[in-house]
């Protein structure tokens, strides 16, 4: 993941945010055929 984000996200930020992002946002997304990534819940509600 860090290699993919090289030059975009600082390494210390990756390790600091990795678990939080996984726990809060991604468990169900890992089962999806396609994931639409949006900033917040209102964009999520509108697109759904």
ModelCIF file with pLDDT and N, C-alpha, C, O atoms, coordinates in Angstrom:
data_MODEL
#
_entry.id   MODEL 
#
_entity.id                         1 
_entity.type                       polymer 
_entity.pdbx_number_of_molecules   1 
#
_entity_poly.entity_id                      1 
_entity_poly.type                           'polypeptide(L)' 
_entity_poly.nstd_linkage                   no 
_entity_poly.nstd_monomer                   no 
_entity_poly.pdbx_seq_one_letter_code       
;(UNK)(UNK)(UNK)(UNK)(UNK)(UNK)(UNK)(UNK)(UNK)(UNK)(UNK)(UNK)(UNK)(UNK)(UNK)(UNK)
(UNK)(UNK)(UNK)(UNK)(UNK)(UNK)(UNK)(UNK)(UNK)(UNK)(UNK)(UNK)(UNK)(UNK)(UNK)(UNK)
(UNK)(UNK)(UNK)(UNK)(UNK)(UNK)(UNK)(UNK)(UNK)(UNK)(UNK)(UNK)(UNK)(UNK)(UNK)(UNK)
;
_entity_poly.pdbx_seq_one_letter_code_can   XXXXXXXXXXXXXXXXXXXXXXXXXXXXXXXXXXXXXXXXXXXXXXXX 
_entity_poly.pdbx_strand_id                 A 
#
loop_
_entity_poly_seq.entity_id 
_entity_poly_seq.num 
_entity_poly_seq.mon_id 
_entity_poly_seq.hetero 
1 1  UNK n 
1 2  UNK n 
1 3  UNK n 
1 4  UNK n 
1 5  UNK n 
1 6  UNK n 
1 7  UNK n 
1 8  UNK n 
1 9  UNK n 
1 10 UNK n 
1 11 UNK n 
1 12 UNK n 
1 13 UNK n 
1 14 UNK n 
1 15 UNK n 
1 16 UNK n 
1 17 UNK n 
1 18 UNK n 
1 19 UNK n 
1 20 UNK n 
1 21 UNK n 
1 22 UNK n 
1 23 UNK n 
1 24 UNK n 
1 25 UNK n 
1 26 UNK n 
1 27 UNK n 
1 28 UNK n 
1 29 UNK n 
1 30 UNK n 
1 31 UNK n 
1 32 UNK n 
1 33 UNK n 
1 34 UNK n 
1 35 UNK n 
1 36 UNK n 
1 37 UNK n 
1 38 UNK n 
1 39 UNK n 
1 40 UNK n 
1 41 UNK n 
1 42 UNK n 
1 43 UNK n 
1 44 UNK n 
1 45 UNK n 
1 46 UNK n 
1 47 UNK n 
1 48 UNK n 
#
_struct_asym.id          A 
_struct_asym.entity_id   1 
#
loop_
_ma_qa_metric.id 
_ma_qa_metric.mode 
_ma_qa_metric.name 
_ma_qa_metric.software_group_id 
_ma_qa_metric.type 
1 global pLDDT . pLDDT 
2 local  pLDDT . pLDDT 
#
_ma_qa_metric_global.metric_id      1 
_ma_qa_metric_global.metric_value   85.88 
_ma_qa_metric_global.model_id       1 
_ma_qa_metric_global.ordinal_id     1 
#
loop_
_ma_qa_metric_local.label_asym_id 
_ma_qa_metric_local.label_comp_id 
_ma_qa_metric_local.label_seq_id 
_ma_qa_metric_local.metric_id 
_ma_qa_metric_local.metric_value 
_ma_qa_metric_local.model_id 
_ma_qa_metric_local.ordinal_id 
A UNK 1  2 90.00 1 1  
A UNK 2  2 90.00 1 2  
A UNK 3  2 91.00 1 3  
A UNK 4  2 92.00 1 4  
A UNK 5  2 92.00 1 5  
A UNK 6  2 90.00 1 6  
A UNK 7  2 87.00 1 7  
A UNK 8  2 88.00 1 8  
A UNK 9  2 85.00 1 9  
A UNK 10 2 83.00 1 10 
A UNK 11 2 81.00 1 11 
A UNK 12 2 79.00 1 12 
A UNK 13 2 80.00 1 13 
A UNK 14 2 80.00 1 14 
A UNK 15 2 76.00 1 15 
A UNK 16 2 75.00 1 16 
A UNK 17 2 78.00 1 17 
A UNK 18 2 75.00 1 18 
A UNK 19 2 71.00 1 19 
A UNK 20 2 69.00 1 20 
A UNK 21 2 73.00 1 21 
A UNK 22 2 69.00 1 22 
A UNK 23 2 65.00 1 23 
A UNK 24 2 69.00 1 24 
A UNK 25 2 76.00 1 25 
A UNK 26 2 82.00 1 26 
A UNK 27 2 83.00 1 27 
A UNK 28 2 86.00 1 28 
A UNK 29 2 89.00 1 29 
A UNK 30 2 87.00 1 30 
A UNK 31 2 88.00 1 31 
A UNK 32 2 89.00 1 32 
A UNK 33 2 89.00 1 33 
A UNK 34 2 93.00 1 34 
A UNK 35 2 95.00 1 35 
A UNK 36 2 96.00 1 36 
A UNK 37 2 97.00 1 37 
A UNK 38 2 97.00 1 38 
A UNK 39 2 95.00 1 39 
A UNK 40 2 93.00 1 40 
A UNK 41 2 94.00 1 41 
A UNK 42 2 95.00 1 42 
A UNK 43 2 96.00 1 43 
A UNK 44 2 95.00 1 44 
A UNK 45 2 95.00 1 45 
A UNK 46 2 96.00 1 46 
A UNK 47 2 95.00 1 47 
A UNK 48 2 93.00 1 48 
#
loop_
_atom_site.group_PDB 
_atom_site.id 
_atom_site.type_symbol 
_atom_site.label_atom_id 
_atom_site.label_alt_id 
_atom_site.label_comp_id 
_atom_site.label_asym_id 
_atom_site.label_entity_id 
_atom_site.label_seq_id 
_atom_site.pdbx_PDB_ins_code 
_atom_site.Cartn_x 
_atom_site.Cartn_y 
_atom_site.Cartn_z 
_atom_site.occupancy 
_atom_site.B_iso_or_equiv 
_atom_site.pdbx_formal_charge 
_atom_site.auth_seq_id 
_atom_site.auth_comp_id 
_atom_site.auth_asym_id 
_atom_site.auth_atom_id 
_atom_site.pdbx_PDB_model_num 
ATOM 1   N N  . UNK A 1 1  ? 0.840   -1.201 0.000  1.00 90.00 ? 1  UNK A N  1 
ATOM 2   C CA . UNK A 1 1  ? 0.000   0.000  0.000  1.00 90.00 ? 1  UNK A CA 1 
ATOM 3   C C  . UNK A 1 1  ? 0.875   1.251  0.000  1.00 90.00 ? 1  UNK A C  1 
ATOM 4   O O  . UNK A 1 1  ? 0.583   2.215  -0.708 1.00 90.00 ? 1  UNK A O  1 
ATOM 5   N N  . UNK A 1 2  ? 1.943   1.237  0.791  1.00 90.00 ? 2  UNK A N  1 
ATOM 6   C CA . UNK A 1 2  ? 2.843   2.384  0.850  1.00 90.00 ? 2  UNK A CA 1 
ATOM 7   C C  . UNK A 1 2  ? 3.505   2.637  -0.504 1.00 90.00 ? 2  UNK A C  1 
ATOM 8   O O  . UNK A 1 2  ? 3.675   3.789  -0.906 1.00 90.00 ? 2  UNK A O  1 
ATOM 9   N N  . UNK A 1 3  ? 3.871   1.584  -1.198 1.00 91.00 ? 3  UNK A N  1 
ATOM 10  C CA . UNK A 1 3  ? 4.481   1.765  -2.532 1.00 91.00 ? 3  UNK A CA 1 
ATOM 11  C C  . UNK A 1 3  ? 3.493   2.410  -3.492 1.00 91.00 ? 3  UNK A C  1 
ATOM 12  O O  . UNK A 1 3  ? 3.872   3.262  -4.296 1.00 91.00 ? 3  UNK A O  1 
ATOM 13  N N  . UNK A 1 4  ? 2.245   2.013  -3.416 1.00 92.00 ? 4  UNK A N  1 
ATOM 14  C CA . UNK A 1 4  ? 1.228   2.590  -4.302 1.00 92.00 ? 4  UNK A CA 1 
ATOM 15  C C  . UNK A 1 4  ? 0.994   4.066  -3.987 1.00 92.00 ? 4  UNK A C  1 
ATOM 16  O O  . UNK A 1 4  ? 0.626   4.843  -4.868 1.00 92.00 ? 4  UNK A O  1 
ATOM 17  N N  . UNK A 1 5  ? 1.211   4.450  -2.726 1.00 92.00 ? 5  UNK A N  1 
ATOM 18  C CA . UNK A 1 5  ? 0.963   5.826  -2.301 1.00 92.00 ? 5  UNK A CA 1 
ATOM 19  C C  . UNK A 1 5  ? 2.233   6.666  -2.251 1.00 92.00 ? 5  UNK A C  1 
ATOM 20  O O  . UNK A 1 5  ? 2.221   7.786  -1.741 1.00 92.00 ? 5  UNK A O  1 
ATOM 21  N N  . UNK A 1 6  ? 3.319   6.132  -2.776 1.00 90.00 ? 6  UNK A N  1 
ATOM 22  C CA . UNK A 1 6  ? 4.600   6.836  -2.724 1.00 90.00 ? 6  UNK A CA 1 
ATOM 23  C C  . UNK A 1 6  ? 4.487   8.217  -3.379 1.00 90.00 ? 6  UNK A C  1 
ATOM 24  O O  . UNK A 1 6  ? 4.045   8.342  -4.520 1.00 90.00 ? 6  UNK A O  1 
ATOM 25  N N  . UNK A 1 7  ? 4.893   9.242  -2.639 1.00 87.00 ? 7  UNK A N  1 
ATOM 26  C CA . UNK A 1 7  ? 4.836   10.601 -3.153 1.00 87.00 ? 7  UNK A CA 1 
ATOM 27  C C  . UNK A 1 7  ? 3.490   11.260 -3.015 1.00 87.00 ? 7  UNK A C  1 
ATOM 28  O O  . UNK A 1 7  ? 3.351   12.446 -3.315 1.00 87.00 ? 7  UNK A O  1 
ATOM 29  N N  . UNK A 1 8  ? 2.459   10.495 -2.554 1.00 88.00 ? 8  UNK A N  1 
ATOM 30  C CA . UNK A 1 8  ? 1.112   11.046 -2.403 1.00 88.00 ? 8  UNK A CA 1 
ATOM 31  C C  . UNK A 1 8  ? 0.756   11.192 -0.927 1.00 88.00 ? 8  UNK A C  1 
ATOM 32  O O  . UNK A 1 8  ? 0.212   12.211 -0.503 1.00 88.00 ? 8  UNK A O  1 
ATOM 33  N N  . UNK A 1 9  ? 1.073   10.160 -0.154 1.00 85.00 ? 9  UNK A N  1 
ATOM 34  C CA . UNK A 1 9  ? 0.816   10.191 1.283  1.00 85.00 ? 9  UNK A CA 1 
ATOM 35  C C  . UNK A 1 9  ? 2.117   9.876  2.000  1.00 85.00 ? 9  UNK A C  1 
ATOM 36  O O  . UNK A 1 9  ? 2.846   8.968  1.601  1.00 85.00 ? 9  UNK A O  1 
ATOM 37  N N  . UNK A 1 10 ? 2.407   10.616 3.044  1.00 83.00 ? 10 UNK A N  1 
ATOM 38  C CA . UNK A 1 10 ? 3.640   10.393 3.794  1.00 83.00 ? 10 UNK A CA 1 
ATOM 39  C C  . UNK A 1 10 ? 3.588   9.042  4.509  1.00 83.00 ? 10 UNK A C  1 
ATOM 40  O O  . UNK A 1 10 ? 2.535   8.653  5.014  1.00 83.00 ? 10 UNK A O  1 
ATOM 41  N N  . UNK A 1 11 ? 4.718   8.321  4.557  1.00 81.00 ? 11 UNK A N  1 
ATOM 42  C CA . UNK A 1 11 ? 4.740   6.989  5.180  1.00 81.00 ? 11 UNK A CA 1 
ATOM 43  C C  . UNK A 1 11 ? 4.202   6.967  6.604  1.00 81.00 ? 11 UNK A C  1 
ATOM 44  O O  . UNK A 1 11 ? 3.472   6.047  6.972  1.00 81.00 ? 11 UNK A O  1 
ATOM 45  N N  . UNK A 1 12 ? 4.554   7.973  7.417  1.00 79.00 ? 12 UNK A N  1 
ATOM 46  C CA . UNK A 1 12 ? 4.077   7.970  8.801  1.00 79.00 ? 12 UNK A CA 1 
ATOM 47  C C  . UNK A 1 12 ? 2.568   8.137  8.861  1.00 79.00 ? 12 UNK A C  1 
ATOM 48  O O  . UNK A 1 12 ? 1.923   7.607  9.766  1.00 79.00 ? 12 UNK A O  1 
ATOM 49  N N  . UNK A 1 13 ? 1.993   8.871  7.904  1.00 80.00 ? 13 UNK A N  1 
ATOM 50  C CA . UNK A 1 13 ? 0.547   9.024  7.853  1.00 80.00 ? 13 UNK A CA 1 
ATOM 51  C C  . UNK A 1 13 ? -0.138  7.716  7.456  1.00 80.00 ? 13 UNK A C  1 
ATOM 52  O O  . UNK A 1 13 ? -1.213  7.391  7.960  1.00 80.00 ? 13 UNK A O  1 
ATOM 53  N N  . UNK A 1 14 ? 0.491   6.973  6.551  1.00 80.00 ? 14 UNK A N  1 
ATOM 54  C CA . UNK A 1 14 ? -0.088  5.701  6.104  1.00 80.00 ? 14 UNK A CA 1 
ATOM 55  C C  . UNK A 1 14 ? -0.263  4.768  7.296  1.00 80.00 ? 14 UNK A C  1 
ATOM 56  O O  . UNK A 1 14 ? -1.357  4.254  7.527  1.00 80.00 ? 14 UNK A O  1 
ATOM 57  N N  . UNK A 1 15 ? 0.802   4.549  8.047  1.00 76.00 ? 15 UNK A N  1 
ATOM 58  C CA . UNK A 1 15 ? 0.740   3.620  9.165  1.00 76.00 ? 15 UNK A CA 1 
ATOM 59  C C  . UNK A 1 15 ? -0.174  4.140  10.281 1.00 76.00 ? 15 UNK A C  1 
ATOM 60  O O  . UNK A 1 15 ? -0.770  3.349  11.014 1.00 76.00 ? 15 UNK A O  1 
ATOM 61  N N  . UNK A 1 16 ? -0.284  5.451  10.408 1.00 75.00 ? 16 UNK A N  1 
ATOM 62  C CA . UNK A 1 16 ? -1.129  6.026  11.452 1.00 75.00 ? 16 UNK A CA 1 
ATOM 63  C C  . UNK A 1 16 ? -2.610  5.891  11.094 1.00 75.00 ? 16 UNK A C  1 
ATOM 64  O O  . UNK A 1 16 ? -3.446  5.692  11.976 1.00 75.00 ? 16 UNK A O  1 
ATOM 65  N N  . UNK A 1 17 ? -2.933  5.999  9.820  1.00 78.00 ? 17 UNK A N  1 
ATOM 66  C CA . UNK A 1 17 ? -4.331  6.012  9.397  1.00 78.00 ? 17 UNK A CA 1 
ATOM 67  C C  . UNK A 1 17 ? -4.825  4.661  8.877  1.00 78.00 ? 17 UNK A C  1 
ATOM 68  O O  . UNK A 1 17 ? -6.027  4.462  8.697  1.00 78.00 ? 17 UNK A O  1 
ATOM 69  N N  . UNK A 1 18 ? -3.902  3.740  8.638  1.00 75.00 ? 18 UNK A N  1 
ATOM 70  C CA . UNK A 1 18 ? -4.240  2.492  7.960  1.00 75.00 ? 18 UNK A CA 1 
ATOM 71  C C  . UNK A 1 18 ? -5.346  1.728  8.677  1.00 75.00 ? 18 UNK A C  1 
ATOM 72  O O  . UNK A 1 18 ? -6.358  1.385  8.065  1.00 75.00 ? 18 UNK A O  1 
ATOM 73  N N  . UNK A 1 19 ? -5.164  1.462  9.958  1.00 71.00 ? 19 UNK A N  1 
ATOM 74  C CA . UNK A 1 19 ? -6.125  0.662  10.689 1.00 71.00 ? 19 UNK A CA 1 
ATOM 75  C C  . UNK A 1 19 ? -7.465  1.375  10.825 1.00 71.00 ? 19 UNK A C  1 
ATOM 76  O O  . UNK A 1 19 ? -8.521  0.749  10.732 1.00 71.00 ? 19 UNK A O  1 
ATOM 77  N N  . UNK A 1 20 ? -7.418  2.692  11.046 1.00 69.00 ? 20 UNK A N  1 
ATOM 78  C CA . UNK A 1 20 ? -8.664  3.449  11.208 1.00 69.00 ? 20 UNK A CA 1 
ATOM 79  C C  . UNK A 1 20 ? -9.503  3.409  9.942  1.00 69.00 ? 20 UNK A C  1 
ATOM 80  O O  . UNK A 1 20 ? -10.714 3.198  10.003 1.00 69.00 ? 20 UNK A O  1 
ATOM 81  N N  . UNK A 1 21 ? -8.868  3.609  8.801  1.00 73.00 ? 21 UNK A N  1 
ATOM 82  C CA . UNK A 1 21 ? -9.594  3.587  7.532  1.00 73.00 ? 21 UNK A CA 1 
ATOM 83  C C  . UNK A 1 21 ? -10.161 2.199  7.276  1.00 73.00 ? 21 UNK A C  1 
ATOM 84  O O  . UNK A 1 21 ? -11.309 2.062  6.854  1.00 73.00 ? 21 UNK A O  1 
ATOM 85  N N  . UNK A 1 22 ? -9.355  1.167  7.531  1.00 69.00 ? 22 UNK A N  1 
ATOM 86  C CA . UNK A 1 22 ? -9.828  -0.206 7.321  1.00 69.00 ? 22 UNK A CA 1 
ATOM 87  C C  . UNK A 1 22 ? -11.029 -0.510 8.196  1.00 69.00 ? 22 UNK A C  1 
ATOM 88  O O  . UNK A 1 22 ? -12.033 -1.047 7.729  1.00 69.00 ? 22 UNK A O  1 
ATOM 89  N N  . UNK A 1 23 ? -10.916 -0.160 9.477  1.00 65.00 ? 23 UNK A N  1 
ATOM 90  C CA . UNK A 1 23 ? -11.958 -0.503 10.437 1.00 65.00 ? 23 UNK A CA 1 
ATOM 91  C C  . UNK A 1 23 ? -13.236 0.274  10.169 1.00 65.00 ? 23 UNK A C  1 
ATOM 92  O O  . UNK A 1 23 ? -14.330 -0.281 10.268 1.00 65.00 ? 23 UNK A O  1 
ATOM 93  N N  . UNK A 1 24 ? -13.111 1.545  9.834  1.00 69.00 ? 24 UNK A N  1 
ATOM 94  C CA . UNK A 1 24 ? -14.295 2.398  9.714  1.00 69.00 ? 24 UNK A CA 1 
ATOM 95  C C  . UNK A 1 24 ? -14.986 2.271  8.365  1.00 69.00 ? 24 UNK A C  1 
ATOM 96  O O  . UNK A 1 24 ? -16.212 2.370  8.299  1.00 69.00 ? 24 UNK A O  1 
ATOM 97  N N  . UNK A 1 25 ? -14.250 2.058  7.303  1.00 76.00 ? 25 UNK A N  1 
ATOM 98  C CA . UNK A 1 25 ? -14.824 2.221  5.972  1.00 76.00 ? 25 UNK A CA 1 
ATOM 99  C C  . UNK A 1 25 ? -14.855 0.973  5.101  1.00 76.00 ? 25 UNK A C  1 
ATOM 100 O O  . UNK A 1 25 ? -15.746 0.840  4.263  1.00 76.00 ? 25 UNK A O  1 
ATOM 101 N N  . UNK A 1 26 ? -13.920 0.065  5.271  1.00 82.00 ? 26 UNK A N  1 
ATOM 102 C CA . UNK A 1 26 ? -13.693 -0.904 4.208  1.00 82.00 ? 26 UNK A CA 1 
ATOM 103 C C  . UNK A 1 26 ? -14.182 -2.337 4.410  1.00 82.00 ? 26 UNK A C  1 
ATOM 104 O O  . UNK A 1 26 ? -14.199 -3.080 3.428  1.00 82.00 ? 26 UNK A O  1 
ATOM 105 N N  . UNK A 1 27 ? -14.583 -2.787 5.602  1.00 83.00 ? 27 UNK A N  1 
ATOM 106 C CA . UNK A 1 27 ? -14.944 -4.201 5.726  1.00 83.00 ? 27 UNK A CA 1 
ATOM 107 C C  . UNK A 1 27 ? -15.926 -4.696 4.674  1.00 83.00 ? 27 UNK A C  1 
ATOM 108 O O  . UNK A 1 27 ? -15.674 -5.719 4.038  1.00 83.00 ? 27 UNK A O  1 
ATOM 109 N N  . UNK A 1 28 ? -17.049 -3.990 4.474  1.00 86.00 ? 28 UNK A N  1 
ATOM 110 C CA . UNK A 1 28 ? -18.019 -4.438 3.475  1.00 86.00 ? 28 UNK A CA 1 
ATOM 111 C C  . UNK A 1 28 ? -17.500 -4.234 2.062  1.00 86.00 ? 28 UNK A C  1 
ATOM 112 O O  . UNK A 1 28 ? -17.815 -5.018 1.167  1.00 86.00 ? 28 UNK A O  1 
ATOM 113 N N  . UNK A 1 29 ? -16.711 -3.195 1.854  1.00 89.00 ? 29 UNK A N  1 
ATOM 114 C CA . UNK A 1 29 ? -16.203 -2.908 0.505  1.00 89.00 ? 29 UNK A CA 1 
ATOM 115 C C  . UNK A 1 29 ? -15.326 -4.036 -0.020 1.00 89.00 ? 29 UNK A C  1 
ATOM 116 O O  . UNK A 1 29 ? -15.247 -4.248 -1.230 1.00 89.00 ? 29 UNK A O  1 
ATOM 117 N N  . UNK A 1 30 ? -14.665 -4.762 0.884  1.00 87.00 ? 30 UNK A N  1 
ATOM 118 C CA . UNK A 1 30 ? -13.784 -5.840 0.444  1.00 87.00 ? 30 UNK A CA 1 
ATOM 119 C C  . UNK A 1 30 ? -14.556 -6.978 -0.208 1.00 87.00 ? 30 UNK A C  1 
ATOM 120 O O  . UNK A 1 30 ? -13.971 -7.799 -0.914 1.00 87.00 ? 30 UNK A O  1 
ATOM 121 N N  . UNK A 1 31 ? -15.875 -7.034 0.026  1.00 88.00 ? 31 UNK A N  1 
ATOM 122 C CA . UNK A 1 31 ? -16.695 -8.082 -0.571 1.00 88.00 ? 31 UNK A CA 1 
ATOM 123 C C  . UNK A 1 31 ? -17.335 -7.634 -1.887 1.00 88.00 ? 31 UNK A C  1 
ATOM 124 O O  . UNK A 1 31 ? -18.010 -8.425 -2.545 1.00 88.00 ? 31 UNK A O  1 
ATOM 125 N N  . UNK A 1 32 ? -17.128 -6.363 -2.276 1.00 89.00 ? 32 UNK A N  1 
ATOM 126 C CA . UNK A 1 32 ? -17.828 -5.793 -3.429 1.00 89.00 ? 32 UNK A CA 1 
ATOM 127 C C  . UNK A 1 32 ? -17.159 -6.162 -4.746 1.00 89.00 ? 32 UNK A C  1 
ATOM 128 O O  . UNK A 1 32 ? -15.966 -6.462 -4.786 1.00 89.00 ? 32 UNK A O  1 
ATOM 129 N N  . UNK A 1 33 ? -17.937 -6.137 -5.816 1.00 89.00 ? 33 UNK A N  1 
ATOM 130 C CA . UNK A 1 33 ? -17.373 -6.267 -7.162 1.00 89.00 ? 33 UNK A CA 1 
ATOM 131 C C  . UNK A 1 33 ? -16.764 -4.936 -7.602 1.00 89.00 ? 33 UNK A C  1 
ATOM 132 O O  . UNK A 1 33 ? -15.744 -4.908 -8.290 1.00 89.00 ? 33 UNK A O  1 
ATOM 133 N N  . UNK A 1 34 ? -17.402 -3.829 -7.196 1.00 93.00 ? 34 UNK A N  1 
ATOM 134 C CA . UNK A 1 34 ? -16.884 -2.486 -7.454 1.00 93.00 ? 34 UNK A CA 1 
ATOM 135 C C  . UNK A 1 34 ? -17.219 -1.625 -6.246 1.00 93.00 ? 34 UNK A C  1 
ATOM 136 O O  . UNK A 1 34 ? -18.312 -1.732 -5.690 1.00 93.00 ? 34 UNK A O  1 
ATOM 137 N N  . UNK A 1 35 ? -16.297 -0.781 -5.842 1.00 95.00 ? 35 UNK A N  1 
ATOM 138 C CA . UNK A 1 35 ? -16.537 0.148  -4.737 1.00 95.00 ? 35 UNK A CA 1 
ATOM 139 C C  . UNK A 1 35 ? -16.513 1.581  -5.262 1.00 95.00 ? 35 UNK A C  1 
ATOM 140 O O  . UNK A 1 35 ? -15.579 1.975  -5.960 1.00 95.00 ? 35 UNK A O  1 
ATOM 141 N N  . UNK A 1 36 ? -17.553 2.366  -4.920 1.00 96.00 ? 36 UNK A N  1 
ATOM 142 C CA . UNK A 1 36 ? -17.577 3.790  -5.228 1.00 96.00 ? 36 UNK A CA 1 
ATOM 143 C C  . UNK A 1 36 ? -17.123 4.521  -3.966 1.00 96.00 ? 36 UNK A C  1 
ATOM 144 O O  . UNK A 1 36 ? -17.799 4.457  -2.939 1.00 96.00 ? 36 UNK A O  1 
ATOM 145 N N  . UNK A 1 37 ? -16.007 5.202  -4.032 1.00 97.00 ? 37 UNK A N  1 
ATOM 146 C CA . UNK A 1 37 ? -15.457 5.895  -2.881 1.00 97.00 ? 37 UNK A CA 1 
ATOM 147 C C  . UNK A 1 37 ? -15.923 7.350  -2.897 1.00 97.00 ? 37 UNK A C  1 
ATOM 148 O O  . UNK A 1 37 ? -15.680 8.078  -3.859 1.00 97.00 ? 37 UNK A O  1 
ATOM 149 N N  . UNK A 1 38 ? -16.591 7.762  -1.826 1.00 97.00 ? 38 UNK A N  1 
ATOM 150 C CA . UNK A 1 38 ? -17.084 9.130  -1.708 1.00 97.00 ? 38 UNK A CA 1 
ATOM 151 C C  . UNK A 1 38 ? -16.592 9.712  -0.393 1.00 97.00 ? 38 UNK A C  1 
ATOM 152 O O  . UNK A 1 38 ? -16.140 8.984  0.491  1.00 97.00 ? 38 UNK A O  1 
ATOM 153 N N  . UNK A 1 39 ? -16.687 11.040 -0.273 1.00 95.00 ? 39 UNK A N  1 
ATOM 154 C CA . UNK A 1 39 ? -16.148 11.717 0.903  1.00 95.00 ? 39 UNK A CA 1 
ATOM 155 C C  . UNK A 1 39 ? -16.977 11.469 2.161  1.00 95.00 ? 39 UNK A C  1 
ATOM 156 O O  . UNK A 1 39 ? -16.423 11.197 3.226  1.00 95.00 ? 39 UNK A O  1 
ATOM 157 N N  . UNK A 1 40 ? -18.304 11.562 2.040  1.00 93.00 ? 40 UNK A N  1 
ATOM 158 C CA . UNK A 1 40 ? -19.126 11.482 3.243  1.00 93.00 ? 40 UNK A CA 1 
ATOM 159 C C  . UNK A 1 40 ? -20.440 10.769 3.022  1.00 93.00 ? 40 UNK A C  1 
ATOM 160 O O  . UNK A 1 40 ? -20.700 10.228 1.948  1.00 93.00 ? 40 UNK A O  1 
ATOM 161 N N  . UNK A 1 41 ? -21.270 10.777 4.062  1.00 94.00 ? 41 UNK A N  1 
ATOM 162 C CA . UNK A 1 41 ? -22.512 9.997  4.041  1.00 94.00 ? 41 UNK A CA 1 
ATOM 163 C C  . UNK A 1 41 ? -23.569 10.593 3.115  1.00 94.00 ? 41 UNK A C  1 
ATOM 164 O O  . UNK A 1 41 ? -24.413 9.855  2.607  1.00 94.00 ? 41 UNK A O  1 
ATOM 165 N N  . UNK A 1 42 ? -23.550 11.919 2.879  1.00 95.00 ? 42 UNK A N  1 
ATOM 166 C CA . UNK A 1 42 ? -24.569 12.492 1.993  1.00 95.00 ? 42 UNK A CA 1 
ATOM 167 C C  . UNK A 1 42 ? -24.337 12.070 0.548  1.00 95.00 ? 42 UNK A C  1 
ATOM 168 O O  . UNK A 1 42 ? -25.290 11.753 -0.164 1.00 95.00 ? 42 UNK A O  1 
ATOM 169 N N  . UNK A 1 43 ? -23.076 12.063 0.105  1.00 96.00 ? 43 UNK A N  1 
ATOM 170 C CA . UNK A 1 43 ? -22.771 11.552 -1.235 1.00 96.00 ? 43 UNK A CA 1 
ATOM 171 C C  . UNK A 1 43 ? -23.139 10.064 -1.338 1.00 96.00 ? 43 UNK A C  1 
ATOM 172 O O  . UNK A 1 43 ? -23.639 9.603  -2.364 1.00 96.00 ? 43 UNK A O  1 
ATOM 173 N N  . UNK A 1 44 ? -22.880 9.330  -0.249 1.00 95.00 ? 44 UNK A N  1 
ATOM 174 C CA . UNK A 1 44 ? -23.233 7.915  -0.232 1.00 95.00 ? 44 UNK A CA 1 
ATOM 175 C C  . UNK A 1 44 ? -24.740 7.736  -0.399 1.00 95.00 ? 44 UNK A C  1 
ATOM 176 O O  . UNK A 1 44 ? -25.183 6.924  -1.211 1.00 95.00 ? 44 UNK A O  1 
ATOM 177 N N  . UNK A 1 45 ? -25.534 8.498  0.374  1.00 95.00 ? 45 UNK A N  1 
ATOM 178 C CA . UNK A 1 45 ? -26.978 8.372  0.284  1.00 95.00 ? 45 UNK A CA 1 
ATOM 179 C C  . UNK A 1 45 ? -27.512 8.749  -1.085 1.00 95.00 ? 45 UNK A C  1 
ATOM 180 O O  . UNK A 1 45 ? -28.385 8.071  -1.626 1.00 95.00 ? 45 UNK A O  1 
ATOM 181 N N  . UNK A 1 46 ? -26.983 9.839  -1.648 1.00 96.00 ? 46 UNK A N  1 
ATOM 182 C CA . UNK A 1 46 ? -27.460 10.290 -2.958 1.00 96.00 ? 46 UNK A CA 1 
ATOM 183 C C  . UNK A 1 46 ? -27.201 9.246  -4.037 1.00 96.00 ? 46 UNK A C  1 
ATOM 184 O O  . UNK A 1 46 ? -28.094 8.934  -4.825 1.00 96.00 ? 46 UNK A O  1 
ATOM 185 N N  . UNK A 1 47 ? -25.972 8.696  -4.080 1.00 95.00 ? 47 UNK A N  1 
ATOM 186 C CA . UNK A 1 47 ? -25.640 7.728  -5.124 1.00 95.00 ? 47 UNK A CA 1 
ATOM 187 C C  . UNK A 1 47 ? -26.394 6.418  -4.936 1.00 95.00 ? 47 UNK A C  1 
ATOM 188 O O  . UNK A 1 47 ? -26.791 5.789  -5.917 1.00 95.00 ? 47 UNK A O  1 
ATOM 189 N N  . UNK A 1 48 ? -26.594 5.999  -3.697 1.00 93.00 ? 48 UNK A N  1 
ATOM 190 C CA . UNK A 1 48 ? -27.391 4.793  -3.474 1.00 93.00 ? 48 UNK A CA 1 
ATOM 191 C C  . UNK A 1 48 ? -28.819 5.011  -3.957 1.00 93.00 ? 48 UNK A C  1 
ATOM 192 O O  . UNK A 1 48 ? -29.650 4.108  -3.856 1.00 93.00 ? 48 UNK A O  1 
#
